[in-house]
Amino acid sequence: IFWYRPFIDKKSSARGVNICLQVSLWVLVLAYCVIFIQDVP
């Protein structure tokens, strides 16, 4: 579900949707980490 079909299986009927979701996920994770490491003033 989270690796073979989104990244490896080129015949997946949802490959385009998977790419969009995976990119969105990594952007969200990066944004979360950047804010999370902020110190309390």
Full PDB file with SEQRES, HELIX, SHEET, SSBOND, CRYST1, ORIGX, SCALE, CONECT and MASTER records, all heavy atoms in Angstrom:
SEQRES   1 A   41  ILE PHE TRP TYR ARG PRO PHE ILE ASP LYS LYS SER SER          
SEQRES   2 A   41  ALA ARG GLY VAL ASN ILE CYS LEU GLN VAL SER LEU TRP          
SEQRES   3 A   41  VAL LEU VAL LEU ALA TYR CYS VAL ILE PHE ILE GLN ASP          
SEQRES   4 A   41  VAL PRO                                                      
HELIX    1 AA1 TYR A    4  ILE A    8  3                                   5    
HELIX    2 AA2 ARG A   15  PHE A   36  1                                  22    
CRYST1    1.000    1.000    1.000  90.00  90.00  90.00 P 1           1          
ORIGX1      1.000000  0.000000  0.000000        0.00000                         
ORIGX2      0.000000  1.000000  0.000000        0.00000                         
ORIGX3      0.000000  0.000000  1.000000        0.00000                         
SCALE1      1.000000  0.000000  0.000000        0.00000                         
SCALE2      0.000000  1.000000  0.000000        0.00000                         
SCALE3      0.000000  0.000000  1.000000        0.00000                         
ATOM      1  N   ILE A   1       0.810  -1.214   0.000  1.00  0.00           N  
ATOM      2  CA  ILE A   1       0.000   0.000   0.000  1.00  0.00           C  
ATOM      3  C   ILE A   1       0.844   1.264   0.000  1.00  0.00           C  
ATOM      4  O   ILE A   1       0.557   2.217  -0.724  1.00  0.00           O  
ATOM      5  CB  ILE A   1      -0.957   0.002   1.206  1.00  0.00           C  
ATOM      6  CG1 ILE A   1      -1.996  -1.108   1.045  1.00  0.00           C  
ATOM      7  CG2 ILE A   1      -1.656   1.350   1.367  1.00  0.00           C  
ATOM      8  CD1 ILE A   1      -2.866  -1.312   2.266  1.00  0.00           C  
ATOM      9  N   PHE A   2       1.913   1.267   0.812  1.00  0.00           N  
ATOM     10  CA  PHE A   2       2.654   2.516   1.017  1.00  0.00           C  
ATOM     11  C   PHE A   2       3.972   2.598   0.252  1.00  0.00           C  
ATOM     12  O   PHE A   2       4.616   3.641   0.271  1.00  0.00           O  
ATOM     13  CB  PHE A   2       2.912   2.725   2.509  1.00  0.00           C  
ATOM     14  CG  PHE A   2       1.662   2.999   3.292  1.00  0.00           C  
ATOM     15  CD1 PHE A   2       1.095   2.016   4.084  1.00  0.00           C  
ATOM     16  CD2 PHE A   2       1.031   4.229   3.209  1.00  0.00           C  
ATOM     17  CE1 PHE A   2      -0.073   2.264   4.801  1.00  0.00           C  
ATOM     18  CE2 PHE A   2      -0.130   4.486   3.923  1.00  0.00           C  
ATOM     19  CZ  PHE A   2      -0.691   3.497   4.711  1.00  0.00           C  
ATOM     20  N   TRP A   3       4.372   1.504  -0.405  1.00  0.00           N  
ATOM     21  CA  TRP A   3       5.625   1.582  -1.152  1.00  0.00           C  
ATOM     22  C   TRP A   3       5.512   1.014  -2.564  1.00  0.00           C  
ATOM     23  O   TRP A   3       5.793   1.709  -3.541  1.00  0.00           O  
ATOM     24  CB  TRP A   3       6.743   0.870  -0.396  1.00  0.00           C  
ATOM     25  CG  TRP A   3       8.077   0.986  -1.094  1.00  0.00           C  
ATOM     26  CD1 TRP A   3       8.717   0.058  -1.862  1.00  0.00           C  
ATOM     27  CD2 TRP A   3       8.905   2.151  -1.152  1.00  0.00           C  
ATOM     28  NE1 TRP A   3       9.886   0.542  -2.382  1.00  0.00           N  
ATOM     29  CE2 TRP A   3      10.043   1.830  -1.957  1.00  0.00           C  
ATOM     30  CE3 TRP A   3       8.812   3.421  -0.600  1.00  0.00           C  
ATOM     31  CZ2 TRP A   3      11.053   2.745  -2.217  1.00  0.00           C  
ATOM     32  CZ3 TRP A   3       9.832   4.338  -0.865  1.00  0.00           C  
ATOM     33  CH2 TRP A   3      10.928   3.985  -1.652  1.00  0.00           C  
ATOM     34  N   TYR A   4       5.106  -0.258  -2.697  1.00  0.00           N  
ATOM     35  CA  TYR A   4       5.110  -0.901  -4.014  1.00  0.00           C  
ATOM     36  C   TYR A   4       4.184  -0.195  -4.996  1.00  0.00           C  
ATOM     37  O   TYR A   4       4.595   0.189  -6.099  1.00  0.00           O  
ATOM     38  CB  TYR A   4       4.723  -2.372  -3.879  1.00  0.00           C  
ATOM     39  CG  TYR A   4       4.618  -3.076  -5.207  1.00  0.00           C  
ATOM     40  CD1 TYR A   4       5.757  -3.374  -5.953  1.00  0.00           C  
ATOM     41  CD2 TYR A   4       3.370  -3.409  -5.743  1.00  0.00           C  
ATOM     42  CE1 TYR A   4       5.666  -3.994  -7.179  1.00  0.00           C  
ATOM     43  CE2 TYR A   4       3.270  -4.038  -6.968  1.00  0.00           C  
ATOM     44  CZ  TYR A   4       4.417  -4.330  -7.685  1.00  0.00           C  
ATOM     45  OH  TYR A   4       4.320  -4.937  -8.911  1.00  0.00           O  
ATOM     46  N   ARG A   5       2.921  -0.017  -4.624  1.00  0.00           N  
ATOM     47  CA  ARG A   5       1.968   0.597  -5.543  1.00  0.00           C  
ATOM     48  C   ARG A   5       2.243   2.083  -5.793  1.00  0.00           C  
ATOM     49  O   ARG A   5       2.188   2.535  -6.936  1.00  0.00           O  
ATOM     50  CB  ARG A   5       0.543   0.379  -5.043  1.00  0.00           C  
ATOM     51  CG  ARG A   5       0.087  -1.066  -5.240  1.00  0.00           C  
ATOM     52  CD  ARG A   5      -1.238  -1.338  -4.599  1.00  0.00           C  
ATOM     53  NE  ARG A   5      -1.581  -2.749  -4.747  1.00  0.00           N  
ATOM     54  CZ  ARG A   5      -2.423  -3.389  -3.959  1.00  0.00           C  
ATOM     55  NH1 ARG A   5      -3.003  -2.757  -2.965  1.00  0.00           N  
ATOM     56  NH2 ARG A   5      -2.680  -4.661  -4.148  1.00  0.00           N  
ATOM     57  N   PRO A   6       2.583   2.861  -4.764  1.00  0.00           N  
ATOM     58  CA  PRO A   6       2.847   4.283  -5.046  1.00  0.00           C  
ATOM     59  C   PRO A   6       4.122   4.540  -5.840  1.00  0.00           C  
ATOM     60  O   PRO A   6       4.174   5.460  -6.657  1.00  0.00           O  
ATOM     61  CB  PRO A   6       2.953   4.903  -3.640  1.00  0.00           C  
ATOM     62  CG  PRO A   6       2.242   3.950  -2.749  1.00  0.00           C  
ATOM     63  CD  PRO A   6       2.497   2.598  -3.330  1.00  0.00           C  
ATOM     64  N   PHE A   7       5.183   3.719  -5.633  1.00  0.00           N  
ATOM     65  CA  PHE A   7       6.490   4.058  -6.193  1.00  0.00           C  
ATOM     66  C   PHE A   7       6.997   3.099  -7.271  1.00  0.00           C  
ATOM     67  O   PHE A   7       7.729   3.508  -8.157  1.00  0.00           O  
ATOM     68  CB  PHE A   7       7.541   4.121  -5.076  1.00  0.00           C  
ATOM     69  CG  PHE A   7       7.305   5.216  -4.082  1.00  0.00           C  
ATOM     70  CD1 PHE A   7       6.847   4.924  -2.806  1.00  0.00           C  
ATOM     71  CD2 PHE A   7       7.520   6.538  -4.416  1.00  0.00           C  
ATOM     72  CE1 PHE A   7       6.620   5.927  -1.879  1.00  0.00           C  
ATOM     73  CE2 PHE A   7       7.297   7.554  -3.504  1.00  0.00           C  
ATOM     74  CZ  PHE A   7       6.843   7.243  -2.235  1.00  0.00           C  
ATOM     75  N   ILE A   8       6.631   1.826  -7.184  1.00  0.00           N  
ATOM     76  CA  ILE A   8       7.236   0.819  -8.056  1.00  0.00           C  
ATOM     77  C   ILE A   8       6.310   0.371  -9.176  1.00  0.00           C  
ATOM     78  O   ILE A   8       6.719   0.270 -10.328  1.00  0.00           O  
ATOM     79  CB  ILE A   8       7.700  -0.401  -7.218  1.00  0.00           C  
ATOM     80  CG1 ILE A   8       8.734   0.043  -6.176  1.00  0.00           C  
ATOM     81  CG2 ILE A   8       8.281  -1.486  -8.125  1.00  0.00           C  
ATOM     82  CD1 ILE A   8       9.174  -1.058  -5.253  1.00  0.00           C  
ATOM     83  N   ASP A   9       5.065   0.115  -8.841  1.00  0.00           N  
ATOM     84  CA  ASP A   9       4.123  -0.442  -9.797  1.00  0.00           C  
ATOM     85  C   ASP A   9       3.680   0.621 -10.818  1.00  0.00           C  
ATOM     86  O   ASP A   9       2.813   1.444 -10.542  1.00  0.00           O  
ATOM     87  CB  ASP A   9       2.897  -0.998  -9.051  1.00  0.00           C  
ATOM     88  CG  ASP A   9       1.962  -1.746  -9.982  1.00  0.00           C  
ATOM     89  OD1 ASP A   9       2.339  -1.933 -11.153  1.00  0.00           O  
ATOM     90  OD2 ASP A   9       0.873  -2.146  -9.532  1.00  0.00           O  
ATOM     91  N   LYS A  10       4.285   0.570 -11.998  1.00  0.00           N  
ATOM     92  CA  LYS A  10       3.981   1.540 -13.041  1.00  0.00           C  
ATOM     93  C   LYS A  10       2.613   1.300 -13.676  1.00  0.00           C  
ATOM     94  O   LYS A  10       2.102   2.148 -14.400  1.00  0.00           O  
ATOM     95  CB  LYS A  10       5.069   1.524 -14.114  1.00  0.00           C  
ATOM     96  CG  LYS A  10       6.429   1.946 -13.600  1.00  0.00           C  
ATOM     97  CD  LYS A  10       7.460   1.960 -14.716  1.00  0.00           C  
ATOM     98  CE  LYS A  10       8.817   2.398 -14.196  1.00  0.00           C  
ATOM     99  NZ  LYS A  10       9.842   2.417 -15.269  1.00  0.00           N  
ATOM    100  N   LYS A  11       2.031   0.122 -13.441  1.00  0.00           N  
ATOM    101  CA  LYS A  11       0.737  -0.208 -14.022  1.00  0.00           C  
ATOM    102  C   LYS A  11      -0.420   0.162 -13.099  1.00  0.00           C  
ATOM    103  O   LYS A  11      -1.582  -0.059 -13.445  1.00  0.00           O  
ATOM    104  CB  LYS A  11       0.671  -1.697 -14.356  1.00  0.00           C  
ATOM    105  CG  LYS A  11       1.684  -2.142 -15.397  1.00  0.00           C  
ATOM    106  CD  LYS A  11       1.554  -3.629 -15.669  1.00  0.00           C  
ATOM    107  CE  LYS A  11       2.564  -4.093 -16.711  1.00  0.00           C  
ATOM    108  NZ  LYS A  11       2.448  -5.551 -16.983  1.00  0.00           N  
ATOM    109  N   SER A  12      -0.099   0.700 -11.948  1.00  0.00           N  
ATOM    110  CA  SER A  12      -1.160   1.055 -11.001  1.00  0.00           C  
ATOM    111  C   SER A  12      -2.087   2.096 -11.625  1.00  0.00           C  
ATOM    112  O   SER A  12      -1.639   3.080 -12.209  1.00  0.00           O  
ATOM    113  CB  SER A  12      -0.554   1.602  -9.709  1.00  0.00           C  
ATOM    114  OG  SER A  12      -1.577   2.092  -8.858  1.00  0.00           O  
ATOM    115  N   SER A  13      -3.385   1.864 -11.479  1.00  0.00           N  
ATOM    116  CA  SER A  13      -4.370   2.789 -12.059  1.00  0.00           C  
ATOM    117  C   SER A  13      -4.401   4.129 -11.324  1.00  0.00           C  
ATOM    118  O   SER A  13      -4.964   5.099 -11.815  1.00  0.00           O  
ATOM    119  CB  SER A  13      -5.762   2.152 -12.018  1.00  0.00           C  
ATOM    120  OG  SER A  13      -6.143   1.856 -10.680  1.00  0.00           O  
ATOM    121  N   ALA A  14      -3.786   4.178 -10.139  1.00  0.00           N  
ATOM    122  CA  ALA A  14      -3.821   5.417  -9.334  1.00  0.00           C  
ATOM    123  C   ALA A  14      -2.435   6.033  -9.196  1.00  0.00           C  
ATOM    124  O   ALA A  14      -2.162   6.741  -8.227  1.00  0.00           O  
ATOM    125  CB  ALA A  14      -4.413   5.120  -7.960  1.00  0.00           C  
ATOM    126  N   ARG A  15      -1.565   5.780 -10.161  1.00  0.00           N  
ATOM    127  CA  ARG A  15      -0.179   6.257 -10.033  1.00  0.00           C  
ATOM    128  C   ARG A  15      -0.100   7.782  -9.950  1.00  0.00           C  
ATOM    129  O   ARG A  15       0.644   8.331  -9.131  1.00  0.00           O  
ATOM    130  CB  ARG A  15       0.644   5.752 -11.209  1.00  0.00           C  
ATOM    131  CG  ARG A  15       2.125   6.108 -11.106  1.00  0.00           C  
ATOM    132  CD  ARG A  15       2.936   5.386 -12.169  1.00  0.00           C  
ATOM    133  NE  ARG A  15       4.333   5.750 -12.094  1.00  0.00           N  
ATOM    134  CZ  ARG A  15       5.204   5.252 -11.237  1.00  0.00           C  
ATOM    135  NH1 ARG A  15       4.794   4.375 -10.338  1.00  0.00           N  
ATOM    136  NH2 ARG A  15       6.467   5.622 -11.246  1.00  0.00           N  
ATOM    137  N   GLY A  16      -0.866   8.491 -10.770  1.00  0.00           N  
ATOM    138  CA  GLY A  16      -0.834   9.954 -10.747  1.00  0.00           C  
ATOM    139  C   GLY A  16      -1.314  10.511  -9.421  1.00  0.00           C  
ATOM    140  O   GLY A  16      -0.716  11.432  -8.857  1.00  0.00           O  
ATOM    141  N   VAL A  17      -2.385   9.926  -8.898  1.00  0.00           N  
ATOM    142  CA  VAL A  17      -2.901  10.357  -7.595  1.00  0.00           C  
ATOM    143  C   VAL A  17      -1.878  10.073  -6.506  1.00  0.00           C  
ATOM    144  O   VAL A  17      -1.662  10.878  -5.597  1.00  0.00           O  
ATOM    145  CB  VAL A  17      -4.233   9.643  -7.282  1.00  0.00           C  
ATOM    146  CG1 VAL A  17      -4.718  10.009  -5.878  1.00  0.00           C  
ATOM    147  CG2 VAL A  17      -5.278   9.999  -8.318  1.00  0.00           C  
ATOM    148  N   ASN A  18      -1.225   8.921  -6.597  1.00  0.00           N  
ATOM    149  CA  ASN A  18      -0.221   8.551  -5.604  1.00  0.00           C  
ATOM    150  C   ASN A  18       0.933   9.534  -5.560  1.00  0.00           C  
ATOM    151  O   ASN A  18       1.416   9.905  -4.492  1.00  0.00           O  
ATOM    152  CB  ASN A  18       0.328   7.145  -5.900  1.00  0.00           C  
ATOM    153  CG  ASN A  18      -0.481   6.056  -5.223  1.00  0.00           C  
ATOM    154  OD1 ASN A  18      -0.816   6.183  -4.047  1.00  0.00           O  
ATOM    155  ND2 ASN A  18      -0.799   5.006  -5.947  1.00  0.00           N  
ATOM    156  N   ILE A  19       1.393   9.966  -6.735  1.00  0.00           N  
ATOM    157  CA  ILE A  19       2.505  10.913  -6.783  1.00  0.00           C  
ATOM    158  C   ILE A  19       2.125  12.210  -6.082  1.00  0.00           C  
ATOM    159  O   ILE A  19       2.892  12.756  -5.274  1.00  0.00           O  
ATOM    160  CB  ILE A  19       2.920  11.175  -8.243  1.00  0.00           C  
ATOM    161  CG1 ILE A  19       3.543   9.911  -8.847  1.00  0.00           C  
ATOM    162  CG2 ILE A  19       3.905  12.341  -8.325  1.00  0.00           C  
ATOM    163  CD1 ILE A  19       3.868  10.038 -10.324  1.00  0.00           C  
ATOM    164  N   CYS A  20       0.924  12.711  -6.368  1.00  0.00           N  
ATOM    165  CA  CYS A  20       0.459  13.947  -5.737  1.00  0.00           C  
ATOM    166  C   CYS A  20       0.358  13.797  -4.227  1.00  0.00           C  
ATOM    167  O   CYS A  20       0.776  14.678  -3.466  1.00  0.00           O  
ATOM    168  CB  CYS A  20      -0.893  14.351  -6.308  1.00  0.00           C  
ATOM    169  SG  CYS A  20      -0.853  14.835  -8.048  1.00  0.00           S  
ATOM    170  N   LEU A  21      -0.183  12.662  -3.781  1.00  0.00           N  
ATOM    171  CA  LEU A  21      -0.338  12.431  -2.340  1.00  0.00           C  
ATOM    172  C   LEU A  21       1.009  12.289  -1.647  1.00  0.00           C  
ATOM    173  O   LEU A  21       1.217  12.806  -0.545  1.00  0.00           O  
ATOM    174  CB  LEU A  21      -1.193  11.182  -2.099  1.00  0.00           C  
ATOM    175  CG  LEU A  21      -2.678  11.300  -2.443  1.00  0.00           C  
ATOM    176  CD1 LEU A  21      -3.371   9.951  -2.292  1.00  0.00           C  
ATOM    177  CD2 LEU A  21      -3.349  12.338  -1.553  1.00  0.00           C  
ATOM    178  N   GLN A  22       1.951  11.588  -2.281  1.00  0.00           N  
ATOM    179  CA  GLN A  22       3.262  11.391  -1.673  1.00  0.00           C  
ATOM    180  C   GLN A  22       4.026  12.710  -1.564  1.00  0.00           C  
ATOM    181  O   GLN A  22       4.658  12.991  -0.543  1.00  0.00           O  
ATOM    182  CB  GLN A  22       4.078  10.374  -2.481  1.00  0.00           C  
ATOM    183  CG  GLN A  22       3.531   8.957  -2.474  1.00  0.00           C  
ATOM    184  CD  GLN A  22       3.703   8.278  -1.129  1.00  0.00           C  
ATOM    185  OE1 GLN A  22       4.449   8.753  -0.269  1.00  0.00           O  
ATOM    186  NE2 GLN A  22       3.010   7.167  -0.936  1.00  0.00           N  
ATOM    187  N   VAL A  23       3.978  13.531  -2.621  1.00  0.00           N  
ATOM    188  CA  VAL A  23       4.638  14.839  -2.576  1.00  0.00           C  
ATOM    189  C   VAL A  23       4.019  15.703  -1.479  1.00  0.00           C  
ATOM    190  O   VAL A  23       4.725  16.360  -0.695  1.00  0.00           O  
ATOM    191  CB  VAL A  23       4.544  15.546  -3.939  1.00  0.00           C  
ATOM    192  CG1 VAL A  23       5.030  16.993  -3.829  1.00  0.00           C  
ATOM    193  CG2 VAL A  23       5.369  14.795  -4.982  1.00  0.00           C  
ATOM    194  N   SER A  24       2.690  15.701  -1.404  1.00  0.00           N  
ATOM    195  CA  SER A  24       1.998  16.472  -0.365  1.00  0.00           C  
ATOM    196  C   SER A  24       2.403  15.999   1.020  1.00  0.00           C  
ATOM    197  O   SER A  24       2.618  16.813   1.925  1.00  0.00           O  
ATOM    198  CB  SER A  24       0.479  16.336  -0.540  1.00  0.00           C  
ATOM    199  OG  SER A  24       0.069  16.837  -1.792  1.00  0.00           O  
ATOM    200  N   LEU A  25       2.515  14.689   1.185  1.00  0.00           N  
ATOM    201  CA  LEU A  25       2.872  14.139   2.488  1.00  0.00           C  
ATOM    202  C   LEU A  25       4.248  14.604   2.928  1.00  0.00           C  
ATOM    203  O   LEU A  25       4.430  15.038   4.077  1.00  0.00           O  
ATOM    204  CB  LEU A  25       2.828  12.605   2.435  1.00  0.00           C  
ATOM    205  CG  LEU A  25       3.208  11.879   3.730  1.00  0.00           C  
ATOM    206  CD1 LEU A  25       2.254  12.248   4.856  1.00  0.00           C  
ATOM    207  CD2 LEU A  25       3.218  10.364   3.504  1.00  0.00           C  
ATOM    208  N   TRP A  26       5.225  14.558   2.031  1.00  0.00           N  
ATOM    209  CA  TRP A  26       6.588  14.949   2.402  1.00  0.00           C  
ATOM    210  C   TRP A  26       6.679  16.449   2.663  1.00  0.00           C  
ATOM    211  O   TRP A  26       7.424  16.877   3.553  1.00  0.00           O  
ATOM    212  CB  TRP A  26       7.572  14.524   1.308  1.00  0.00           C  
ATOM    213  CG  TRP A  26       7.836  13.056   1.315  1.00  0.00           C  
ATOM    214  CD1 TRP A  26       7.441  12.130   0.393  1.00  0.00           C  
ATOM    215  CD2 TRP A  26       8.537  12.314   2.328  1.00  0.00           C  
ATOM    216  NE1 TRP A  26       7.845  10.879   0.757  1.00  0.00           N  
ATOM    217  CE2 TRP A  26       8.526  10.958   1.935  1.00  0.00           C  
ATOM    218  CE3 TRP A  26       9.164  12.669   3.507  1.00  0.00           C  
ATOM    219  CZ2 TRP A  26       9.120   9.958   2.701  1.00  0.00           C  
ATOM    220  CZ3 TRP A  26       9.764  11.676   4.268  1.00  0.00           C  
ATOM    221  CH2 TRP A  26       9.742  10.346   3.872  1.00  0.00           C  
ATOM    222  N   VAL A  27       5.935  17.258   1.919  1.00  0.00           N  
ATOM    223  CA  VAL A  27       5.918  18.695   2.176  1.00  0.00           C  
ATOM    224  C   VAL A  27       5.327  18.976   3.559  1.00  0.00           C  
ATOM    225  O   VAL A  27       5.849  19.804   4.324  1.00  0.00           O  
ATOM    226  CB  VAL A  27       5.114  19.429   1.083  1.00  0.00           C  
ATOM    227  CG1 VAL A  27       4.890  20.891   1.475  1.00  0.00           C  
ATOM    228  CG2 VAL A  27       5.854  19.364  -0.250  1.00  0.00           C  
ATOM    229  N   LEU A  28       4.250  18.281   3.900  1.00  0.00           N  
ATOM    230  CA  LEU A  28       3.614  18.467   5.204  1.00  0.00           C  
ATOM    231  C   LEU A  28       4.542  18.033   6.332  1.00  0.00           C  
ATOM    232  O   LEU A  28       4.646  18.716   7.365  1.00  0.00           O  
ATOM    233  CB  LEU A  28       2.308  17.664   5.266  1.00  0.00           C  
ATOM    234  CG  LEU A  28       1.141  18.202   4.434  1.00  0.00           C  
ATOM    235  CD1 LEU A  28       0.020  17.177   4.359  1.00  0.00           C  
ATOM    236  CD2 LEU A  28       0.626  19.517   5.010  1.00  0.00           C  
ATOM    237  N   VAL A  29       5.221  16.909   6.154  1.00  0.00           N  
ATOM    238  CA  VAL A  29       6.141  16.416   7.182  1.00  0.00           C  
ATOM    239  C   VAL A  29       7.286  17.400   7.388  1.00  0.00           C  
ATOM    240  O   VAL A  29       7.689  17.691   8.528  1.00  0.00           O  
ATOM    241  CB  VAL A  29       6.686  15.019   6.804  1.00  0.00           C  
ATOM    242  CG1 VAL A  29       7.827  14.613   7.734  1.00  0.00           C  
ATOM    243  CG2 VAL A  29       5.571  13.978   6.865  1.00  0.00           C  
ATOM    244  N   LEU A  30       7.834  17.931   6.291  1.00  0.00           N  
ATOM    245  CA  LEU A  30       8.927  18.908   6.391  1.00  0.00           C  
ATOM    246  C   LEU A  30       8.464  20.167   7.115  1.00  0.00           C  
ATOM    247  O   LEU A  30       9.169  20.680   7.996  1.00  0.00           O  
ATOM    248  CB  LEU A  30       9.436  19.254   4.993  1.00  0.00           C  
ATOM    249  CG  LEU A  30      10.564  20.292   4.928  1.00  0.00           C  
ATOM    250  CD1 LEU A  30      11.788  19.791   5.675  1.00  0.00           C  
ATOM    251  CD2 LEU A  30      10.923  20.612   3.479  1.00  0.00           C  
ATOM    252  N   ALA A  31       7.277  20.665   6.759  1.00  0.00           N  
ATOM    253  CA  ALA A  31       6.745  21.866   7.412  1.00  0.00           C  
ATOM    254  C   ALA A  31       6.519  21.618   8.894  1.00  0.00           C  
ATOM    255  O   ALA A  31       6.823  22.471   9.740  1.00  0.00           O  
ATOM    256  CB  ALA A  31       5.440  22.278   6.738  1.00  0.00           C  
ATOM    257  N   TYR A  32       6.025  20.438   9.221  1.00  0.00           N  
ATOM    258  CA  TYR A  32       5.773  20.105  10.635  1.00  0.00           C  
ATOM    259  C   TYR A  32       7.084  20.094  11.424  1.00  0.00           C  
ATOM    260  O   TYR A  32       7.154  20.626  12.537  1.00  0.00           O  
ATOM    261  CB  TYR A  32       5.087  18.747  10.736  1.00  0.00           C  
ATOM    262  CG  TYR A  32       4.823  18.313  12.158  1.00  0.00           C  
ATOM    263  CD1 TYR A  32       3.680  18.742  12.828  1.00  0.00           C  
ATOM    264  CD2 TYR A  32       5.721  17.484  12.840  1.00  0.00           C  
ATOM    265  CE1 TYR A  32       3.437  18.356  14.132  1.00  0.00           C  
ATOM    266  CE2 TYR A  32       5.480  17.098  14.144  1.00  0.00           C  
ATOM    267  CZ  TYR A  32       4.337  17.537  14.780  1.00  0.00           C  
ATOM    268  OH  TYR A  32       4.108  17.161  16.085  1.00  0.00           O  
ATOM    269  N   CYS A  33       8.125  19.498  10.852  1.00  0.00           N  
ATOM    270  CA  CYS A  33       9.417  19.401  11.550  1.00  0.00           C  
ATOM    271  C   CYS A  33      10.036  20.785  11.751  1.00  0.00           C  
ATOM    272  O   CYS A  33      10.607  21.064  12.813  1.00  0.00           O  
ATOM    273  CB  CYS A  33      10.368  18.504  10.760  1.00  0.00           C  
ATOM    274  SG  CYS A  33       9.883  16.766  10.712  1.00  0.00           S  
ATOM    275  N   VAL A  34       9.946  21.647  10.725  1.00  0.00           N  
ATOM    276  CA  VAL A  34      10.521  22.988  10.832  1.00  0.00           C  
ATOM    277  C   VAL A  34       9.873  23.760  11.969  1.00  0.00           C  
ATOM    278  O   VAL A  34      10.544  24.453  12.752  1.00  0.00           O  
ATOM    279  CB  VAL A  34      10.364  23.751   9.495  1.00  0.00           C  
ATOM    280  CG1 VAL A  34      10.722  25.219   9.679  1.00  0.00           C  
ATOM    281  CG2 VAL A  34      11.249  23.121   8.429  1.00  0.00           C  
ATOM    282  N   ILE A  35       8.548  23.660  12.095  1.00  0.00           N  
ATOM    283  CA  ILE A  35       7.844  24.374  13.163  1.00  0.00           C  
ATOM    284  C   ILE A  35       8.078  23.702  14.507  1.00  0.00           C  
ATOM    285  O   ILE A  35       8.232  24.372  15.537  1.00  0.00           O  
ATOM    286  CB  ILE A  35       6.334  24.453  12.854  1.00  0.00           C  
ATOM    287  CG1 ILE A  35       6.099  25.276  11.587  1.00  0.00           C  
ATOM    288  CG2 ILE A  35       5.572  25.069  14.026  1.00  0.00           C  
ATOM    289  CD1 ILE A  35       4.654  25.338  11.153  1.00  0.00           C  
ATOM    290  N   PHE A  36       8.148  22.372  14.512  1.00  0.00           N  
ATOM    291  CA  PHE A  36       8.286  21.621  15.762  1.00  0.00           C  
ATOM    292  C   PHE A  36       9.582  21.955  16.501  1.00  0.00           C  
ATOM    293  O   PHE A  36       9.622  21.968  17.736  1.00  0.00           O  
ATOM    294  CB  PHE A  36       8.216  20.118  15.478  1.00  0.00           C  
ATOM    295  CG  PHE A  36       8.289  19.265  16.701  1.00  0.00           C  
ATOM    296  CD1 PHE A  36       7.166  19.075  17.490  1.00  0.00           C  
ATOM    297  CD2 PHE A  36       9.479  18.639  17.073  1.00  0.00           C  
ATOM    298  CE1 PHE A  36       7.221  18.284  18.634  1.00  0.00           C  
ATOM    299  CE2 PHE A  36       9.544  17.850  18.203  1.00  0.00           C  
ATOM    300  CZ  PHE A  36       8.416  17.677  18.991  1.00  0.00           C  
ATOM    301  N   ILE A  37      10.657  22.229  15.747  1.00  0.00           N  
ATOM    302  CA  ILE A  37      11.953  22.484  16.389  1.00  0.00           C  
ATOM    303  C   ILE A  37      12.087  23.921  16.887  1.00  0.00           C  
ATOM    304  O   ILE A  37      13.112  24.279  17.473  1.00  0.00           O  
ATOM    305  CB  ILE A  37      13.114  22.157  15.432  1.00  0.00           C  
ATOM    306  CG1 ILE A  37      13.073  23.064  14.191  1.00  0.00           C  
ATOM    307  CG2 ILE A  37      13.098  20.699  15.023  1.00  0.00           C  
ATOM    308  CD1 ILE A  37      14.265  22.881  13.258  1.00  0.00           C  
ATOM    309  N   GLN A  38      11.054  24.747  16.660  1.00  0.00           N  
ATOM    310  CA  GLN A  38      11.115  26.123  17.144  1.00  0.00           C  
ATOM    311  C   GLN A  38      11.093  26.142  18.671  1.00  0.00           C  
ATOM    312  O   GLN A  38      10.317  25.430  19.307  1.00  0.00           O  
ATOM    313  CB  GLN A  38       9.924  26.927  16.611  1.00  0.00           C  
ATOM    314  CG  GLN A  38       9.878  27.068  15.107  1.00  0.00           C  
ATOM    315  CD  GLN A  38      11.003  27.933  14.561  1.00  0.00           C  
ATOM    316  OE1 GLN A  38      11.357  28.948  15.145  1.00  0.00           O  
ATOM    317  NE2 GLN A  38      11.563  27.524  13.451  1.00  0.00           N  
ATOM    318  N   ASP A  39      11.957  26.953  19.262  1.00  0.00           N  
ATOM    319  CA  ASP A  39      12.008  27.071  20.725  1.00  0.00           C  
ATOM    320  C   ASP A  39      10.947  28.043  21.224  1.00  0.00           C  
ATOM    321  O   ASP A  39      10.559  28.982  20.526  1.00  0.00           O  
ATOM    322  CB  ASP A  39      13.394  27.568  21.171  1.00  0.00           C  
ATOM    323  CG  ASP A  39      14.482  26.543  20.904  1.00  0.00           C  
ATOM    324  OD1 ASP A  39      14.171  25.341  20.952  1.00  0.00           O  
ATOM    325  OD2 ASP A  39      15.627  26.938  20.639  1.00  0.00           O  
ATOM    326  N   VAL A  40      10.502  27.815  22.453  1.00  0.00           N  
ATOM    327  CA  VAL A  40       9.588  28.757  23.093  1.00  0.00           C  
ATOM    328  C   VAL A  40      10.339  30.072  23.327  1.00  0.00           C  
ATOM    329  O   VAL A  40      11.460  30.059  23.852  1.00  0.00           O  
ATOM    330  CB  VAL A  40       9.071  28.208  24.434  1.00  0.00           C  
ATOM    331  CG1 VAL A  40       8.147  29.214  25.108  1.00  0.00           C  
ATOM    332  CG2 VAL A  40       8.366  26.884  24.225  1.00  0.00           C  
ATOM    333  N   PRO A  41       9.789  31.214  22.921  1.00  0.00           N  
ATOM    334  CA  PRO A  41      10.484  32.499  23.112  1.00  0.00           C  
ATOM    335  C   PRO A  41      10.829  32.751  24.576  1.00  0.00           C  
ATOM    336  O   PRO A  41       9.987  32.589  25.463  1.00  0.00           O  
ATOM    337  CB  PRO A  41       9.453  33.518  22.593  1.00  0.00           C  
ATOM    338  CG  PRO A  41       8.618  32.764  21.629  1.00  0.00           C  
ATOM    339  CD  PRO A  41       8.511  31.382  22.202  1.00  0.00           C  
TER     340      PRO A  41                                                      
MASTER        0    0    0    2    0    0    0    6  339    1    0    4          
END                                                                             
